């Protein structure tokens, strides 16, 4: 069975480099041109936290998953993605929740190149079977300015939950396609999908565009 984790370094985005304790861990090529900012040096406490989690990971990957998720939920996408990249050569085994956090970080950064690389990782390791991961891809592409790619993800979903429909409604509305957002909402009603607050936020945004 192919290892869940190993991804050839040549397929990494043009630099998955992070700095830790003033040492480059691996890969010295530049980050993609479109990446908003260079990865910051970790502060002492964060360095300690990551070192501690790495030590724990010898027994389990759960601690590292919690750190990545914690960074993403704390609106610290640089750190979340840095740690995910840093762990690639190790025995760390991400879960669908880890990929959700990483995709969320790419969306927050508006980093399309990184998001596309994570998408390839998702496909290579079979995470595209998860509805939540596909939904995160829709959101990431929409926030990175690629509505067409988000639409493709939505169209290729074999099953959709409320969050998936809401993500697409919001994507249309955010990109100024108010009529398409409203039309999709009508489709959700025909599919007997119960809308959530994101659906209605998308509708309000759509109405602001259509008048």
N, C-alpha and C. Protein backbone atom coordinates (compact mmCIF):
# COMPACT_ATOMS: atom_id res chain seq x y z
N UNK A 1 0.85 -1.20 0.00
CA UNK A 1 0.00 0.00 0.00
C UNK A 1 0.88 1.25 0.00
N UNK A 2 0.52 2.16 -0.87
CA UNK A 2 1.28 3.41 -0.94
C UNK A 2 1.16 4.18 0.35
N UNK A 3 2.28 4.72 0.82
CA UNK A 3 2.26 5.49 2.06
C UNK A 3 1.30 6.66 1.92
N UNK A 4 0.52 6.91 2.96
CA UNK A 4 -0.43 8.02 2.96
C UNK A 4 0.27 9.35 2.87
N UNK A 5 1.51 9.38 3.35
CA UNK A 5 2.13 10.67 3.54
C UNK A 5 3.14 11.11 2.50
N UNK A 6 3.95 10.16 2.00
CA UNK A 6 5.08 10.58 1.20
C UNK A 6 4.64 11.19 -0.12
N UNK A 7 5.08 12.38 -0.37
CA UNK A 7 4.80 13.09 -1.61
C UNK A 7 6.15 13.57 -2.11
N UNK A 8 6.53 13.21 -3.34
CA UNK A 8 7.86 13.61 -3.84
C UNK A 8 8.06 15.11 -3.71
N UNK A 9 9.25 15.48 -3.29
CA UNK A 9 9.54 16.90 -3.10
C UNK A 9 9.40 17.69 -4.39
N UNK A 10 9.59 17.01 -5.54
CA UNK A 10 9.49 17.75 -6.80
C UNK A 10 8.06 18.22 -7.05
N UNK A 11 7.07 17.61 -6.36
CA UNK A 11 5.69 18.02 -6.56
C UNK A 11 5.26 19.08 -5.57
N UNK A 12 6.15 19.46 -4.67
CA UNK A 12 5.82 20.49 -3.70
C UNK A 12 5.73 21.83 -4.43
N UNK A 13 4.98 22.81 -3.88
CA UNK A 13 4.98 24.13 -4.50
C UNK A 13 6.38 24.69 -4.46
N UNK A 14 6.67 25.65 -5.35
CA UNK A 14 8.03 26.15 -5.45
C UNK A 14 8.49 26.75 -4.14
N UNK A 15 8.78 26.02 -3.24
CA UNK A 15 9.30 26.20 -1.88
C UNK A 15 8.28 26.01 -0.81
N UNK A 16 8.46 24.89 -0.15
CA UNK A 16 7.70 24.62 1.06
C UNK A 16 8.67 24.85 2.19
N UNK A 17 9.43 25.92 2.11
CA UNK A 17 10.47 26.18 3.09
C UNK A 17 9.92 26.91 4.29
N UNK A 18 10.30 26.48 5.46
CA UNK A 18 9.96 27.21 6.67
C UNK A 18 11.23 27.40 7.48
N UNK A 19 11.24 28.41 8.31
CA UNK A 19 12.41 28.63 9.16
C UNK A 19 12.03 28.36 10.59
N UNK A 20 12.91 27.66 11.26
CA UNK A 20 12.63 27.24 12.62
C UNK A 20 13.94 27.29 13.39
N UNK A 21 13.99 28.08 14.46
CA UNK A 21 15.23 28.26 15.22
C UNK A 21 16.36 28.74 14.31
N UNK A 22 16.01 29.65 13.37
CA UNK A 22 16.97 30.27 12.46
C UNK A 22 17.64 29.28 11.52
N UNK A 23 17.05 28.09 11.31
CA UNK A 23 17.61 27.13 10.38
C UNK A 23 16.55 26.75 9.36
N UNK A 24 16.93 26.73 8.09
CA UNK A 24 16.00 26.29 7.07
C UNK A 24 15.90 24.78 7.14
N UNK A 25 14.70 24.27 7.31
CA UNK A 25 14.51 22.84 7.50
C UNK A 25 14.73 22.06 6.22
N UNK A 26 14.18 22.54 5.14
CA UNK A 26 14.41 21.88 3.86
C UNK A 26 13.90 22.75 2.73
N UNK A 27 14.41 22.53 1.54
CA UNK A 27 14.04 23.26 0.32
C UNK A 27 14.32 24.75 0.43
N UNK A 28 15.23 25.23 -0.38
CA UNK A 28 15.62 26.63 -0.30
C UNK A 28 15.15 27.46 -1.49
N UNK A 29 14.35 26.85 -2.39
CA UNK A 29 13.86 27.61 -3.54
C UNK A 29 12.78 28.57 -3.11
N UNK A 30 12.57 29.67 -3.87
CA UNK A 30 11.62 30.71 -3.44
C UNK A 30 10.19 30.24 -3.40
N UNK A 31 9.40 30.89 -2.55
CA UNK A 31 7.96 30.65 -2.53
C UNK A 31 7.37 31.13 -3.83
N UNK A 32 6.16 30.61 -4.20
CA UNK A 32 5.51 31.11 -5.43
C UNK A 32 5.36 32.62 -5.39
N UNK A 33 5.46 33.24 -6.57
CA UNK A 33 5.41 34.70 -6.67
C UNK A 33 4.13 35.25 -6.07
N UNK A 34 3.03 34.51 -6.20
CA UNK A 34 1.74 35.02 -5.74
C UNK A 34 1.49 34.83 -4.25
N UNK A 35 2.42 34.18 -3.56
CA UNK A 35 2.23 33.99 -2.13
C UNK A 35 2.33 35.34 -1.43
N UNK A 36 1.35 35.70 -0.58
CA UNK A 36 1.28 37.05 0.00
C UNK A 36 2.53 37.50 0.75
N UNK A 37 3.14 36.62 1.51
CA UNK A 37 4.27 37.05 2.32
C UNK A 37 5.16 35.87 2.61
N UNK A 38 6.42 36.16 2.95
CA UNK A 38 7.31 35.08 3.35
C UNK A 38 6.85 34.52 4.69
N UNK A 39 7.13 33.24 4.89
CA UNK A 39 6.73 32.62 6.13
C UNK A 39 7.52 33.24 7.29
N UNK A 40 6.85 33.66 8.33
CA UNK A 40 7.55 34.34 9.42
C UNK A 40 8.32 33.35 10.29
N UNK A 41 9.31 33.87 10.99
CA UNK A 41 10.00 33.05 11.98
C UNK A 41 9.06 32.76 13.13
N UNK A 42 9.07 31.55 13.63
CA UNK A 42 8.22 31.21 14.75
C UNK A 42 8.73 31.90 16.01
N UNK A 43 7.81 32.35 16.81
CA UNK A 43 8.18 32.95 18.08
C UNK A 43 8.61 31.86 19.05
N UNK A 44 9.35 32.19 20.08
CA UNK A 44 9.86 31.17 20.99
C UNK A 44 8.81 30.22 21.53
N UNK A 45 7.66 30.75 21.93
CA UNK A 45 6.64 29.86 22.48
C UNK A 45 6.13 28.89 21.42
N UNK A 46 5.91 29.41 20.21
CA UNK A 46 5.44 28.55 19.13
C UNK A 46 6.49 27.48 18.80
N UNK A 47 7.76 27.87 18.84
CA UNK A 47 8.82 26.91 18.60
C UNK A 47 8.78 25.79 19.63
N UNK A 48 8.58 26.17 20.89
CA UNK A 48 8.50 25.17 21.94
C UNK A 48 7.30 24.26 21.72
N UNK A 49 6.17 24.86 21.35
CA UNK A 49 4.94 24.10 21.15
C UNK A 49 5.12 23.08 20.03
N UNK A 50 5.72 23.50 18.93
CA UNK A 50 5.92 22.60 17.81
C UNK A 50 6.92 21.50 18.15
N UNK A 51 8.00 21.86 18.85
CA UNK A 51 8.97 20.85 19.26
C UNK A 51 8.32 19.80 20.15
N UNK A 52 7.46 20.26 21.05
CA UNK A 52 6.76 19.35 21.95
C UNK A 52 5.83 18.42 21.17
N UNK A 53 5.12 19.02 20.19
CA UNK A 53 4.19 18.22 19.39
C UNK A 53 4.95 17.21 18.54
N UNK A 54 6.10 17.62 18.00
CA UNK A 54 6.91 16.70 17.21
C UNK A 54 7.37 15.51 18.04
N UNK A 55 7.72 15.78 19.30
CA UNK A 55 8.13 14.70 20.19
C UNK A 55 6.97 13.75 20.44
N UNK A 56 5.79 14.31 20.66
CA UNK A 56 4.62 13.48 20.90
C UNK A 56 4.26 12.65 19.67
N UNK A 57 4.58 13.17 18.50
CA UNK A 57 4.16 12.51 17.27
C UNK A 57 4.85 11.17 17.07
N UNK A 58 5.90 10.92 17.81
CA UNK A 58 6.55 9.62 17.70
C UNK A 58 5.58 8.51 18.10
N UNK A 59 4.66 8.85 18.98
CA UNK A 59 3.66 7.88 19.40
C UNK A 59 2.37 8.05 18.63
N UNK A 60 2.03 9.27 18.26
CA UNK A 60 0.76 9.53 17.59
C UNK A 60 0.85 10.83 16.79
N UNK A 61 0.09 10.89 15.69
CA UNK A 61 0.03 12.11 14.88
C UNK A 61 -1.03 13.07 15.39
N UNK A 62 -1.80 12.67 16.36
CA UNK A 62 -2.93 13.47 16.81
C UNK A 62 -2.51 14.84 17.32
N UNK A 63 -1.40 14.89 18.06
CA UNK A 63 -0.95 16.17 18.62
C UNK A 63 -0.65 17.17 17.51
N UNK A 64 0.01 16.70 16.45
CA UNK A 64 0.35 17.59 15.35
C UNK A 64 -0.89 18.05 14.60
N UNK A 65 -1.84 17.17 14.44
CA UNK A 65 -3.10 17.55 13.80
C UNK A 65 -3.79 18.65 14.60
N UNK A 66 -3.74 18.52 15.93
CA UNK A 66 -4.36 19.52 16.80
C UNK A 66 -3.66 20.87 16.64
N UNK A 67 -2.33 20.86 16.51
CA UNK A 67 -1.59 22.11 16.37
C UNK A 67 -1.96 22.80 15.06
N UNK A 68 -1.99 22.03 13.96
CA UNK A 68 -2.34 22.60 12.65
C UNK A 68 -3.75 23.16 12.68
N UNK A 69 -4.69 22.40 13.24
CA UNK A 69 -6.08 22.85 13.33
C UNK A 69 -6.18 24.10 14.21
N UNK A 70 -5.42 24.10 15.31
CA UNK A 70 -5.43 25.25 16.21
C UNK A 70 -4.95 26.51 15.53
N UNK A 71 -3.87 26.39 14.75
CA UNK A 71 -3.36 27.54 14.01
C UNK A 71 -4.42 28.07 13.04
N UNK A 72 -5.05 27.16 12.30
CA UNK A 72 -6.05 27.58 11.31
C UNK A 72 -7.23 28.26 11.97
N UNK A 73 -7.71 27.71 13.08
CA UNK A 73 -8.86 28.28 13.77
C UNK A 73 -8.52 29.59 14.46
N UNK A 74 -7.24 29.83 14.70
CA UNK A 74 -6.81 31.08 15.33
C UNK A 74 -6.40 32.13 14.30
N UNK A 75 -6.78 31.87 13.04
CA UNK A 75 -6.45 32.78 11.94
C UNK A 75 -4.95 33.00 11.81
N UNK A 76 -4.20 31.90 11.90
CA UNK A 76 -2.75 31.94 11.71
C UNK A 76 -2.39 30.99 10.58
N UNK A 77 -2.83 31.32 9.35
CA UNK A 77 -2.65 30.39 8.22
C UNK A 77 -1.21 30.13 7.85
N UNK A 78 -0.33 31.13 8.00
CA UNK A 78 1.08 30.92 7.68
C UNK A 78 1.66 29.78 8.50
N UNK A 79 1.40 29.82 9.81
CA UNK A 79 1.94 28.79 10.70
C UNK A 79 1.34 27.42 10.40
N UNK A 80 0.04 27.39 10.12
CA UNK A 80 -0.63 26.11 9.83
C UNK A 80 -0.03 25.47 8.59
N UNK A 81 0.13 26.25 7.53
CA UNK A 81 0.67 25.68 6.30
C UNK A 81 2.16 25.35 6.45
N UNK A 82 2.89 26.18 7.17
CA UNK A 82 4.31 25.92 7.40
C UNK A 82 4.52 24.58 8.08
N UNK A 83 3.73 24.33 9.12
CA UNK A 83 3.88 23.09 9.86
C UNK A 83 3.49 21.89 9.00
N UNK A 84 2.44 22.02 8.21
CA UNK A 84 2.04 20.93 7.33
C UNK A 84 3.17 20.59 6.36
N UNK A 85 3.79 21.63 5.78
CA UNK A 85 4.90 21.41 4.85
C UNK A 85 6.10 20.78 5.56
N UNK A 86 6.38 21.29 6.75
CA UNK A 86 7.53 20.81 7.52
C UNK A 86 7.44 19.31 7.81
N UNK A 87 6.22 18.83 7.96
CA UNK A 87 6.01 17.44 8.35
C UNK A 87 6.02 16.46 7.18
N UNK A 88 6.12 16.96 5.95
CA UNK A 88 6.03 16.08 4.80
C UNK A 88 7.06 14.95 4.77
N UNK A 89 8.33 15.20 5.12
CA UNK A 89 9.29 14.10 5.06
C UNK A 89 9.16 13.11 6.24
N UNK A 90 8.28 13.39 7.18
CA UNK A 90 8.18 12.55 8.39
C UNK A 90 7.11 11.47 8.22
N UNK A 91 6.81 10.78 9.31
CA UNK A 91 5.79 9.74 9.30
C UNK A 91 4.41 10.27 9.68
N UNK A 92 4.27 11.57 9.67
CA UNK A 92 2.99 12.20 10.00
C UNK A 92 1.90 11.76 9.03
N UNK A 93 0.77 11.34 9.55
CA UNK A 93 -0.34 10.88 8.72
C UNK A 93 -1.53 11.83 8.91
N UNK A 94 -1.75 12.74 7.97
CA UNK A 94 -2.86 13.70 8.10
C UNK A 94 -4.21 13.01 7.94
N UNK A 95 -5.22 13.64 8.46
CA UNK A 95 -6.59 13.17 8.31
C UNK A 95 -7.35 14.16 7.44
N UNK A 96 -8.62 13.87 7.18
CA UNK A 96 -9.43 14.81 6.42
C UNK A 96 -9.55 16.14 7.15
N UNK A 97 -9.56 16.10 8.50
CA UNK A 97 -9.65 17.33 9.29
C UNK A 97 -8.39 18.18 9.10
N UNK A 98 -7.23 17.52 9.02
CA UNK A 98 -5.97 18.24 8.77
C UNK A 98 -6.03 18.94 7.42
N UNK A 99 -6.54 18.25 6.41
CA UNK A 99 -6.63 18.84 5.08
C UNK A 99 -7.62 20.00 5.05
N UNK A 100 -8.71 19.88 5.82
CA UNK A 100 -9.65 21.00 5.92
C UNK A 100 -8.95 22.24 6.46
N UNK A 101 -8.16 22.06 7.50
CA UNK A 101 -7.44 23.19 8.11
C UNK A 101 -6.43 23.78 7.14
N UNK A 102 -5.74 22.93 6.40
CA UNK A 102 -4.73 23.41 5.47
C UNK A 102 -5.37 24.16 4.30
N UNK A 103 -6.47 23.63 3.77
CA UNK A 103 -7.17 24.32 2.69
C UNK A 103 -7.75 25.65 3.17
N UNK A 104 -8.25 25.66 4.41
CA UNK A 104 -8.75 26.90 4.99
C UNK A 104 -7.64 27.94 5.08
N UNK A 105 -6.43 27.49 5.42
CA UNK A 105 -5.29 28.40 5.51
C UNK A 105 -4.95 28.99 4.14
N UNK A 106 -5.00 28.14 3.10
CA UNK A 106 -4.74 28.63 1.74
C UNK A 106 -5.78 29.66 1.33
N UNK A 107 -7.04 29.42 1.72
CA UNK A 107 -8.11 30.35 1.39
C UNK A 107 -7.89 31.69 2.09
N UNK A 108 -7.50 31.65 3.36
CA UNK A 108 -7.26 32.88 4.11
C UNK A 108 -6.11 33.67 3.51
N UNK A 109 -5.09 32.96 3.01
CA UNK A 109 -3.94 33.62 2.42
C UNK A 109 -4.21 34.08 0.98
N UNK A 110 -5.25 33.52 0.36
CA UNK A 110 -5.49 33.80 -1.05
C UNK A 110 -4.37 33.24 -1.90
N UNK A 111 -3.76 32.14 -1.44
CA UNK A 111 -2.58 31.56 -2.09
C UNK A 111 -2.99 30.45 -3.05
N UNK A 112 -3.24 30.79 -4.30
CA UNK A 112 -3.74 29.83 -5.28
C UNK A 112 -2.74 28.71 -5.56
N UNK A 113 -1.47 29.05 -5.71
CA UNK A 113 -0.46 28.02 -6.01
C UNK A 113 -0.40 26.97 -4.91
N UNK A 114 -0.43 27.43 -3.66
CA UNK A 114 -0.40 26.50 -2.54
C UNK A 114 -1.69 25.67 -2.51
N UNK A 115 -2.81 26.32 -2.77
CA UNK A 115 -4.08 25.62 -2.78
C UNK A 115 -4.13 24.54 -3.84
N UNK A 116 -3.59 24.83 -5.00
CA UNK A 116 -3.56 23.82 -6.07
C UNK A 116 -2.67 22.64 -5.69
N UNK A 117 -1.56 22.94 -5.02
CA UNK A 117 -0.70 21.84 -4.58
C UNK A 117 -1.43 20.96 -3.57
N UNK A 118 -2.14 21.57 -2.61
CA UNK A 118 -2.91 20.79 -1.64
C UNK A 118 -3.99 19.98 -2.36
N UNK A 119 -4.60 20.55 -3.39
CA UNK A 119 -5.60 19.81 -4.17
C UNK A 119 -4.99 18.55 -4.79
N UNK A 120 -3.78 18.68 -5.33
CA UNK A 120 -3.11 17.50 -5.88
C UNK A 120 -2.83 16.47 -4.79
N UNK A 121 -2.44 16.95 -3.63
CA UNK A 121 -2.19 16.08 -2.48
C UNK A 121 -3.48 15.34 -2.10
N UNK A 122 -4.58 16.07 -2.08
CA UNK A 122 -5.89 15.50 -1.76
C UNK A 122 -6.23 14.36 -2.72
N UNK A 123 -6.04 14.61 -4.01
CA UNK A 123 -6.36 13.58 -5.01
C UNK A 123 -5.41 12.39 -4.90
N UNK A 124 -4.13 12.66 -4.70
CA UNK A 124 -3.14 11.59 -4.65
C UNK A 124 -3.39 10.63 -3.49
N UNK A 125 -3.88 11.17 -2.37
CA UNK A 125 -4.05 10.36 -1.17
C UNK A 125 -5.51 10.00 -0.87
N UNK A 126 -6.39 10.24 -1.82
CA UNK A 126 -7.76 9.76 -1.68
C UNK A 126 -8.66 10.57 -0.76
N UNK A 127 -8.27 11.80 -0.44
CA UNK A 127 -9.10 12.62 0.45
C UNK A 127 -10.28 13.26 -0.29
N UNK A 128 -10.29 13.15 -1.62
CA UNK A 128 -11.39 13.76 -2.38
C UNK A 128 -12.70 12.98 -2.25
N UNK A 129 -12.68 11.89 -1.52
CA UNK A 129 -13.92 11.15 -1.27
C UNK A 129 -14.73 11.80 -0.16
N UNK A 130 -14.12 12.71 0.57
CA UNK A 130 -14.80 13.38 1.69
C UNK A 130 -15.54 14.62 1.20
N UNK A 131 -16.84 14.69 1.50
CA UNK A 131 -17.65 15.83 1.08
C UNK A 131 -17.10 17.13 1.67
N UNK A 132 -16.68 17.09 2.93
CA UNK A 132 -16.17 18.31 3.58
C UNK A 132 -14.91 18.83 2.90
N UNK A 133 -14.05 17.91 2.46
CA UNK A 133 -12.82 18.33 1.79
C UNK A 133 -13.15 18.95 0.43
N UNK A 134 -14.07 18.35 -0.30
CA UNK A 134 -14.49 18.92 -1.59
C UNK A 134 -15.11 20.31 -1.38
N UNK A 135 -15.87 20.44 -0.30
CA UNK A 135 -16.47 21.75 0.02
C UNK A 135 -15.38 22.78 0.31
N UNK A 136 -14.36 22.36 1.05
CA UNK A 136 -13.24 23.26 1.35
C UNK A 136 -12.51 23.66 0.07
N UNK A 137 -12.45 22.77 -0.90
CA UNK A 137 -11.83 23.11 -2.19
C UNK A 137 -12.65 24.17 -2.93
N UNK A 138 -13.98 24.04 -2.89
CA UNK A 138 -14.85 25.04 -3.51
C UNK A 138 -14.57 26.41 -2.89
N UNK A 139 -14.53 26.45 -1.56
CA UNK A 139 -14.31 27.69 -0.83
C UNK A 139 -12.93 28.27 -1.14
N UNK A 140 -11.92 27.40 -1.15
CA UNK A 140 -10.56 27.86 -1.42
C UNK A 140 -10.43 28.47 -2.81
N UNK A 141 -10.95 27.78 -3.82
CA UNK A 141 -10.85 28.30 -5.18
C UNK A 141 -11.62 29.61 -5.33
N UNK A 142 -12.80 29.68 -4.71
CA UNK A 142 -13.58 30.92 -4.80
C UNK A 142 -12.83 32.08 -4.17
N UNK A 143 -12.23 31.86 -3.00
CA UNK A 143 -11.52 32.94 -2.31
C UNK A 143 -10.19 33.28 -2.97
N UNK A 144 -9.69 32.37 -3.80
CA UNK A 144 -8.44 32.64 -4.53
C UNK A 144 -8.71 33.16 -5.93
N UNK A 145 -9.99 33.50 -6.21
CA UNK A 145 -10.33 34.12 -7.48
C UNK A 145 -10.58 33.17 -8.63
N UNK A 146 -10.72 31.87 -8.36
CA UNK A 146 -10.94 30.90 -9.43
C UNK A 146 -12.31 30.25 -9.29
N UNK A 147 -13.34 31.02 -9.59
CA UNK A 147 -14.70 30.52 -9.49
C UNK A 147 -14.93 29.31 -10.37
N UNK A 148 -14.32 29.31 -11.58
CA UNK A 148 -14.52 28.20 -12.50
C UNK A 148 -14.05 26.87 -11.91
N UNK A 149 -12.92 26.91 -11.20
CA UNK A 149 -12.42 25.69 -10.56
C UNK A 149 -13.34 25.25 -9.42
N UNK A 150 -13.88 26.22 -8.70
CA UNK A 150 -14.82 25.89 -7.64
C UNK A 150 -16.08 25.26 -8.20
N UNK A 151 -16.57 25.80 -9.32
CA UNK A 151 -17.75 25.25 -9.97
C UNK A 151 -17.50 23.81 -10.42
N UNK A 152 -16.29 23.55 -10.90
CA UNK A 152 -15.95 22.20 -11.35
C UNK A 152 -15.98 21.22 -10.18
N UNK A 153 -15.46 21.65 -9.03
CA UNK A 153 -15.49 20.79 -7.85
C UNK A 153 -16.93 20.48 -7.44
N UNK A 154 -17.77 21.50 -7.49
CA UNK A 154 -19.17 21.32 -7.11
C UNK A 154 -19.87 20.37 -8.08
N UNK A 155 -19.63 20.56 -9.38
CA UNK A 155 -20.28 19.72 -10.40
C UNK A 155 -19.86 18.26 -10.29
N UNK A 156 -18.62 18.03 -9.85
CA UNK A 156 -18.10 16.66 -9.78
C UNK A 156 -18.40 15.93 -8.47
N UNK A 157 -19.12 16.59 -7.57
CA UNK A 157 -19.44 15.95 -6.29
C UNK A 157 -20.54 14.92 -6.48
N UNK A 158 -20.31 13.70 -6.00
CA UNK A 158 -21.32 12.64 -6.11
C UNK A 158 -22.40 12.81 -5.04
N UNK A 159 -22.04 13.48 -3.95
CA UNK A 159 -23.00 13.77 -2.88
C UNK A 159 -22.71 15.16 -2.35
N UNK A 160 -23.77 15.87 -1.94
CA UNK A 160 -23.60 17.24 -1.44
C UNK A 160 -24.41 17.41 -0.17
N UNK A 161 -23.80 18.04 0.82
CA UNK A 161 -24.55 18.37 2.03
C UNK A 161 -24.86 19.86 2.03
N UNK A 162 -25.48 20.33 3.10
CA UNK A 162 -25.87 21.75 3.18
C UNK A 162 -24.67 22.67 2.99
N UNK A 163 -23.54 22.31 3.62
CA UNK A 163 -22.35 23.17 3.54
C UNK A 163 -21.84 23.28 2.11
N UNK A 164 -21.93 22.21 1.34
CA UNK A 164 -21.47 22.24 -0.04
C UNK A 164 -22.33 23.20 -0.88
N UNK A 165 -23.66 23.07 -0.74
CA UNK A 165 -24.55 23.98 -1.46
C UNK A 165 -24.31 25.43 -1.03
N UNK A 166 -24.15 25.64 0.25
CA UNK A 166 -23.93 27.00 0.78
C UNK A 166 -22.64 27.60 0.25
N UNK A 167 -21.58 26.77 0.20
CA UNK A 167 -20.29 27.26 -0.29
C UNK A 167 -20.40 27.72 -1.73
N UNK A 168 -21.18 27.00 -2.55
CA UNK A 168 -21.32 27.38 -3.95
C UNK A 168 -22.20 28.61 -4.10
N UNK A 169 -23.25 28.70 -3.30
CA UNK A 169 -24.09 29.91 -3.33
C UNK A 169 -23.25 31.13 -2.97
N UNK A 170 -22.46 31.01 -1.92
CA UNK A 170 -21.61 32.12 -1.48
C UNK A 170 -20.55 32.45 -2.52
N UNK A 171 -20.01 31.42 -3.18
CA UNK A 171 -19.00 31.65 -4.21
C UNK A 171 -19.57 32.47 -5.37
N UNK A 172 -20.76 32.08 -5.83
CA UNK A 172 -21.40 32.84 -6.90
C UNK A 172 -21.64 34.29 -6.46
N UNK A 173 -22.19 34.45 -5.26
CA UNK A 173 -22.52 35.79 -4.77
C UNK A 173 -21.28 36.66 -4.63
N UNK A 174 -20.21 36.09 -4.09
CA UNK A 174 -18.97 36.83 -3.88
C UNK A 174 -18.37 37.31 -5.19
N UNK A 175 -18.55 36.52 -6.25
CA UNK A 175 -17.99 36.88 -7.55
C UNK A 175 -18.96 37.69 -8.41
N UNK A 176 -20.04 38.16 -7.78
CA UNK A 176 -20.95 39.05 -8.49
C UNK A 176 -21.99 38.38 -9.36
N UNK A 177 -22.14 37.05 -9.24
CA UNK A 177 -23.13 36.32 -10.03
C UNK A 177 -24.38 36.10 -9.19
N UNK A 178 -25.07 37.21 -8.91
CA UNK A 178 -26.22 37.15 -8.03
C UNK A 178 -27.33 36.25 -8.54
N UNK A 179 -27.62 36.33 -9.84
CA UNK A 179 -28.70 35.52 -10.40
C UNK A 179 -28.39 34.03 -10.31
N UNK A 180 -27.13 33.68 -10.52
CA UNK A 180 -26.74 32.27 -10.42
C UNK A 180 -26.84 31.78 -8.98
N UNK A 181 -26.50 32.64 -8.03
CA UNK A 181 -26.60 32.27 -6.62
C UNK A 181 -28.06 32.00 -6.24
N UNK A 182 -28.95 32.89 -6.70
CA UNK A 182 -30.38 32.73 -6.40
C UNK A 182 -30.93 31.48 -7.09
N UNK A 183 -30.51 31.26 -8.34
CA UNK A 183 -30.95 30.07 -9.07
C UNK A 183 -30.50 28.79 -8.37
N UNK A 184 -29.27 28.81 -7.85
CA UNK A 184 -28.76 27.63 -7.14
C UNK A 184 -29.53 27.41 -5.84
N UNK A 185 -29.91 28.51 -5.19
CA UNK A 185 -30.71 28.38 -3.98
C UNK A 185 -32.05 27.71 -4.30
N UNK A 186 -32.65 28.07 -5.41
CA UNK A 186 -33.91 27.44 -5.82
C UNK A 186 -33.69 25.95 -6.06
N UNK A 187 -32.53 25.62 -6.58
CA UNK A 187 -32.20 24.21 -6.81
C UNK A 187 -32.05 23.46 -5.49
N UNK A 188 -31.49 24.13 -4.49
CA UNK A 188 -31.36 23.47 -3.18
C UNK A 188 -32.73 23.15 -2.59
N UNK A 189 -33.69 24.02 -2.84
CA UNK A 189 -35.04 23.76 -2.33
C UNK A 189 -35.66 22.55 -3.03
N UNK A 190 -35.42 22.45 -4.34
CA UNK A 190 -35.93 21.30 -5.07
C UNK A 190 -35.26 20.00 -4.61
N UNK A 191 -34.00 20.13 -4.19
CA UNK A 191 -33.28 18.96 -3.70
C UNK A 191 -33.60 18.68 -2.23
N UNK A 192 -34.47 19.51 -1.64
CA UNK A 192 -34.89 19.37 -0.25
C UNK A 192 -33.70 19.44 0.72
N UNK A 193 -32.80 20.36 0.41
CA UNK A 193 -31.65 20.61 1.28
C UNK A 193 -32.00 21.78 2.19
N UNK A 194 -31.80 21.59 3.47
CA UNK A 194 -32.13 22.65 4.42
C UNK A 194 -31.01 23.68 4.45
N UNK A 195 -31.30 24.95 4.14
CA UNK A 195 -30.26 25.99 4.13
C UNK A 195 -29.76 26.31 5.53
N UNK A 196 -28.56 26.88 5.60
CA UNK A 196 -28.01 27.32 6.88
C UNK A 196 -27.72 28.82 6.81
N UNK A 197 -27.07 29.35 7.82
CA UNK A 197 -26.83 30.80 7.86
C UNK A 197 -25.93 31.27 6.72
N UNK A 198 -25.00 30.41 6.28
CA UNK A 198 -24.12 30.78 5.18
C UNK A 198 -24.91 30.92 3.89
N UNK A 199 -25.89 30.03 3.71
CA UNK A 199 -26.76 30.11 2.53
C UNK A 199 -27.44 31.47 2.47
N UNK A 200 -27.99 31.89 3.60
CA UNK A 200 -28.73 33.16 3.62
C UNK A 200 -27.80 34.37 3.50
N UNK A 201 -26.59 34.26 4.04
CA UNK A 201 -25.61 35.32 3.84
C UNK A 201 -25.27 35.46 2.36
N UNK A 202 -25.13 34.31 1.70
CA UNK A 202 -24.87 34.32 0.27
C UNK A 202 -26.00 34.94 -0.51
N UNK A 203 -27.23 34.63 -0.10
CA UNK A 203 -28.40 35.20 -0.77
C UNK A 203 -28.47 36.71 -0.61
N UNK A 204 -28.18 37.18 0.60
CA UNK A 204 -28.19 38.63 0.84
C UNK A 204 -27.14 39.33 -0.02
N UNK A 205 -25.97 38.70 -0.11
CA UNK A 205 -24.91 39.27 -0.96
C UNK A 205 -25.35 39.25 -2.42
N UNK A 206 -26.03 38.15 -2.82
CA UNK A 206 -26.50 38.05 -4.20
C UNK A 206 -27.51 39.13 -4.52
N UNK A 207 -28.41 39.38 -3.57
CA UNK A 207 -29.43 40.42 -3.77
C UNK A 207 -28.80 41.80 -3.91
N UNK A 208 -27.70 42.02 -3.21
CA UNK A 208 -27.03 43.32 -3.29
C UNK A 208 -26.44 43.54 -4.69
N UNK A 209 -26.16 42.43 -5.38
CA UNK A 209 -25.61 42.55 -6.74
C UNK A 209 -26.71 42.65 -7.79
N UNK A 210 -27.84 41.98 -7.54
CA UNK A 210 -28.90 41.97 -8.55
C UNK A 210 -29.87 43.14 -8.38
N UNK A 211 -29.89 43.74 -7.17
CA UNK A 211 -30.76 44.88 -6.94
C UNK A 211 -32.07 44.45 -6.48
